[in-house]
Protein backbone atom coordinates (compact mmCIF):
# COMPACT_ATOMS: atom_id res chain seq x y z
CA UNK A 1 3.12 -23.26 -15.70
CA UNK A 2 0.73 -20.53 -15.19
CA UNK A 3 -0.50 -19.19 -17.97
CA UNK A 4 0.02 -15.98 -18.89
CA UNK A 5 -3.73 -14.84 -19.89
CA UNK A 6 -4.22 -11.49 -19.38
CA UNK A 7 -6.04 -10.61 -16.87
CA UNK A 8 -9.69 -8.67 -17.23
CA UNK A 9 -9.58 -4.93 -15.97
CA UNK A 10 -11.99 -4.42 -14.23
CA UNK A 11 -15.35 -2.54 -14.96
CA UNK A 12 -16.93 -0.35 -12.50
CA UNK A 13 -19.71 -3.01 -12.03
CA UNK A 14 -17.45 -4.62 -9.62
CA UNK A 15 -18.96 -3.81 -6.14
CA UNK A 16 -16.16 -5.57 -4.65
CA UNK A 17 -12.64 -5.25 -3.07
CA UNK A 18 -10.34 -7.83 -5.60
CA UNK A 19 -9.56 -11.54 -4.65
CA UNK A 20 -6.43 -13.18 -4.67
CA UNK A 21 -7.46 -14.53 -7.84
CA UNK A 22 -8.14 -12.04 -9.61
CA UNK A 23 -4.59 -10.74 -7.84
CA UNK A 24 -2.72 -13.83 -9.23
CA UNK A 25 -4.37 -13.90 -12.74
CA UNK A 26 -3.59 -11.00 -13.04
CA UNK A 27 -0.89 -10.24 -16.03
CA UNK A 28 -1.14 -6.39 -16.40
CA UNK A 29 2.97 -6.14 -16.01
CA UNK A 30 5.40 -8.79 -15.96
CA UNK A 31 5.77 -9.07 -12.42
CA UNK A 32 4.13 -12.36 -11.98
CA UNK A 33 6.63 -13.97 -13.91
CA UNK A 34 8.54 -14.04 -10.71
CA UNK A 35 6.76 -13.92 -8.05
CA UNK A 36 5.62 -16.33 -5.52
CA UNK A 37 1.88 -15.62 -4.95
CA UNK A 38 -0.09 -11.92 -5.82
CA UNK A 39 -0.57 -10.03 -3.04
CA UNK A 40 -4.24 -8.94 -2.25
CA UNK A 41 -5.02 -5.67 0.32
CA UNK A 42 -6.51 -6.95 3.94
CA UNK A 43 -9.30 -5.29 5.63
CA UNK A 44 -13.04 -5.24 6.17
CA UNK A 45 -15.02 -4.04 4.14
CA UNK A 46 -16.21 -1.61 6.03
CA UNK A 47 -12.69 -0.69 6.71
CA UNK A 48 -12.82 3.60 6.89
CA UNK A 49 -8.53 3.91 7.16
CA UNK A 50 -7.09 2.52 4.45
CA UNK A 51 -3.16 1.90 3.78
CA UNK A 52 -1.21 1.58 1.40
CA UNK A 53 2.24 0.89 0.97
CA UNK A 54 4.39 -0.14 -1.63
CA UNK A 55 4.94 -3.37 -3.20
CA UNK A 56 4.69 -6.97 -1.02
CA UNK A 57 8.26 -8.25 0.62
CA UNK A 58 9.77 -11.63 0.05
CA UNK A 59 6.95 -13.09 3.41
CA UNK A 60 4.22 -11.17 2.23
CA UNK A 61 5.21 -12.76 -1.54
CA UNK A 62 5.48 -16.16 0.54
CA UNK A 63 2.50 -15.85 2.63
CA UNK A 64 -0.33 -13.98 0.22
CA UNK A 65 -0.36 -11.58 2.77
CA UNK A 66 0.09 -7.74 2.77
CA UNK A 67 2.34 -6.14 6.02
CA UNK A 68 4.06 -9.71 7.71
CA UNK A 69 6.94 -8.90 7.44
CA UNK A 70 9.52 -6.53 9.22
CA UNK A 71 8.38 -3.04 7.29
CA UNK A 72 4.66 -4.88 8.63
CA UNK A 73 5.79 -5.30 12.08
CA UNK A 74 7.55 -2.57 12.40
CA UNK A 75 4.08 -0.09 11.12
CA UNK A 76 2.53 -2.51 13.44
CA UNK A 77 3.98 -0.90 16.27
CA UNK A 78 3.12 2.43 14.74
CA UNK A 79 -0.21 1.93 14.74
CA UNK A 80 -0.64 1.16 18.60
CA UNK A 81 0.97 4.26 19.41
CA UNK A 82 -1.39 5.82 16.78
CA UNK A 83 -4.29 3.87 18.35
CA UNK A 84 -4.65 2.75 15.92
CA UNK A 85 -6.58 -0.74 15.30
CA UNK A 86 -5.36 -2.37 12.50
CA UNK A 87 -7.64 -5.10 12.53
CA UNK A 88 -9.85 -2.22 11.65
CA UNK A 89 -7.73 -1.23 8.51
CA UNK A 90 -7.61 -2.32 5.59
CA UNK A 91 -4.09 -2.62 4.13
CA UNK A 92 -2.53 -3.06 0.57
CA UNK A 93 0.35 -1.97 -2.13
CA UNK A 94 0.10 0.23 -4.90
CA UNK A 95 1.82 -2.48 -6.55
CA UNK A 96 0.59 -6.49 -5.95
CA UNK A 97 3.60 -9.05 -6.97
CA UNK A 98 7.02 -8.20 -5.47
CA UNK A 99 10.05 -6.60 -7.78
CA UNK A 100 13.37 -8.03 -6.57
CA UNK A 101 16.93 -9.36 -8.11
CA UNK A 102 18.65 -12.68 -6.62
CA UNK A 103 21.78 -11.57 -4.65
CA UNK A 104 23.50 -15.18 -3.34
CA UNK A 105 20.50 -16.62 -1.40
CA UNK A 106 18.26 -13.73 -0.66
CA UNK A 107 15.94 -11.93 -3.24
CA UNK A 108 16.09 -8.60 -2.40
CA UNK A 109 13.76 -5.63 -2.84
CA UNK A 110 13.92 -3.62 -6.33
CA UNK A 111 11.47 -0.43 -6.63
CA UNK A 112 8.64 -1.17 -8.82
CA UNK A 113 9.05 1.56 -12.67
CA UNK A 114 6.02 3.57 -13.55
CA UNK A 115 4.89 1.38 -16.18
CA UNK A 116 4.43 -1.58 -13.32
CA UNK A 117 2.48 1.07 -11.28
CA UNK A 118 0.09 1.84 -13.62
CA UNK A 119 0.01 -1.48 -15.17
CA UNK A 120 -1.44 -2.04 -11.02
CA UNK A 121 -3.64 0.55 -10.65
CA UNK A 122 -6.52 -0.64 -11.58
CA UNK A 123 -6.47 -2.98 -8.74
CA UNK A 124 -5.92 -0.10 -6.02
CA UNK A 125 -8.79 1.77 -7.88
CA UNK A 126 -11.47 -0.98 -7.62
CA UNK A 127 -10.45 -1.69 -3.81
CA UNK A 128 -10.89 1.59 -3.46
CA UNK A 129 -14.52 2.37 -4.58
CA UNK A 130 -15.52 -1.04 -3.48
CA UNK A 131 -14.54 0.09 0.53
CA UNK A 132 -14.65 3.86 -0.24
CA UNK A 133 -12.45 5.38 2.22
CA UNK A 134 -12.35 8.50 4.88
CA UNK A 135 -8.99 8.90 4.88
CA UNK A 136 -6.67 6.62 2.77
CA UNK A 137 -2.52 6.86 3.55
CA UNK A 138 0.10 6.90 1.75
CA UNK A 139 3.28 4.34 2.89
CA UNK A 140 6.03 6.06 1.15
CA UNK A 141 6.58 7.44 -2.11
CA UNK A 142 5.62 4.58 -4.86
CA UNK A 143 2.01 4.61 -2.92
CA UNK A 144 1.60 8.83 -3.13
CA UNK A 145 2.62 8.43 -7.23
CA UNK A 146 -0.16 5.73 -7.61
CA UNK A 147 -2.58 8.09 -5.85
CA UNK A 148 -1.84 11.06 -6.51
CA UNK A 149 -0.26 10.87 -10.05
CA UNK A 150 1.65 13.65 -9.66
CA UNK A 151 5.05 13.90 -8.96
CA UNK A 152 6.48 15.46 -5.43
CA UNK A 153 9.03 14.50 -2.71
CA UNK A 154 7.13 13.21 0.23
CA UNK A 155 8.22 16.41 2.72
CA UNK A 156 6.26 17.95 0.35
CA UNK A 157 3.38 15.67 0.73
CA UNK A 158 2.98 15.27 3.82
CA UNK A 159 2.18 18.08 4.82
CA UNK A 160 -0.38 19.32 2.12
CA UNK A 161 -4.53 18.92 2.04
CA UNK A 162 -4.74 16.46 -0.53
CA UNK A 163 -8.38 15.42 -1.53
CA UNK A 164 -8.71 11.83 -4.04
CA UNK A 165 -10.36 11.75 -6.58
CA UNK A 166 -13.63 9.32 -4.89
CA UNK A 167 -13.18 11.83 -1.62
CA UNK A 168 -11.69 10.11 0.71
CA UNK A 169 -9.06 12.29 2.76
CA UNK A 170 -5.68 11.40 1.64
CA UNK A 171 -2.14 11.03 4.15
CA UNK A 172 1.32 11.20 2.64
CA UNK A 173 3.88 9.45 4.51
CA UNK A 174 7.30 7.82 4.50
CA UNK A 175 7.20 3.88 4.15
CA UNK A 176 7.44 2.25 7.68
CA UNK A 177 10.67 0.34 5.92
CA UNK A 178 12.39 3.72 6.39
CA UNK A 179 12.62 3.38 10.24
CA UNK A 180 14.51 0.54 9.50
CA UNK A 181 17.40 1.56 7.65
CA UNK A 182 20.20 1.39 9.99
CA UNK A 183 21.27 4.98 9.27
CA UNK A 184 20.74 8.73 12.17
CA UNK A 185 17.72 9.55 9.66
CA UNK A 186 14.94 6.48 11.04
CA UNK A 187 14.84 7.91 14.07
CA UNK A 188 12.84 10.71 13.08
CA UNK A 189 11.55 8.86 9.98
CA UNK A 190 10.10 7.70 12.65
CA UNK A 191 8.68 10.48 14.59
CA UNK A 192 7.17 12.10 11.31
CA UNK A 193 5.76 9.16 10.39
CA UNK A 194 3.85 8.52 13.83
CA UNK A 195 3.11 12.00 13.55
CA UNK A 196 1.41 11.92 10.41
CA UNK A 197 -0.46 8.87 11.53
CA UNK A 198 -2.24 10.79 14.43
CA UNK A 199 -3.11 13.08 12.39
CA UNK A 200 -4.95 10.54 10.18
CA UNK A 201 -6.16 9.54 13.41
CA UNK A 202 -7.99 13.22 14.91
CA UNK A 203 -8.98 13.70 10.87
CA UNK A 204 -11.01 11.05 11.67
CA UNK A 205 -12.22 11.58 14.94
CA UNK A 206 -13.17 14.46 13.76
CA UNK A 207 -14.96 13.92 11.16
CA UNK A 208 -17.64 11.19 13.17
CA UNK A 209 -17.68 13.66 16.33
């Protein structure tokens, strides 16, 4: 049985991104109870771009790695089209444990609530403080909420010039899972998501020129 102690909150002296062991031992909310693994971020400590999703999915929960399921594969395709090397990015989630409900033999995703997002915010802030990225891309409403800490739709936020409290320029766009939905809007969402990723790349390269 897993221990039920609450994990220590990271301090300003924690200069590294949180480790798998730290995320595994986190008890700040109850999502750990049904999760297989806590899923920390992944990528080089020198990454200039941080991509923030909502939470691990079924495959991420089983492997302990972020964005390795269908949405991750779609993100990989989008990054290639935007001329952004995923291996040079730091990829993480606003919430580090998979929230799900059973549906037959399947485990269906449930959106994290505000309490769970806030409980996990210490880890996201530690990641940002450790990496000091120039650009943060919020993929979806949960990531945007965790980073901006105020309400707003993706449609409204993606057109705004936003700066994170630690100095990174913040781009808000749709989550790649929205592209996988079998509806008429999926292709339009993909087009907008790709446009936003290309805007982030142009901003990054303009700053380096």
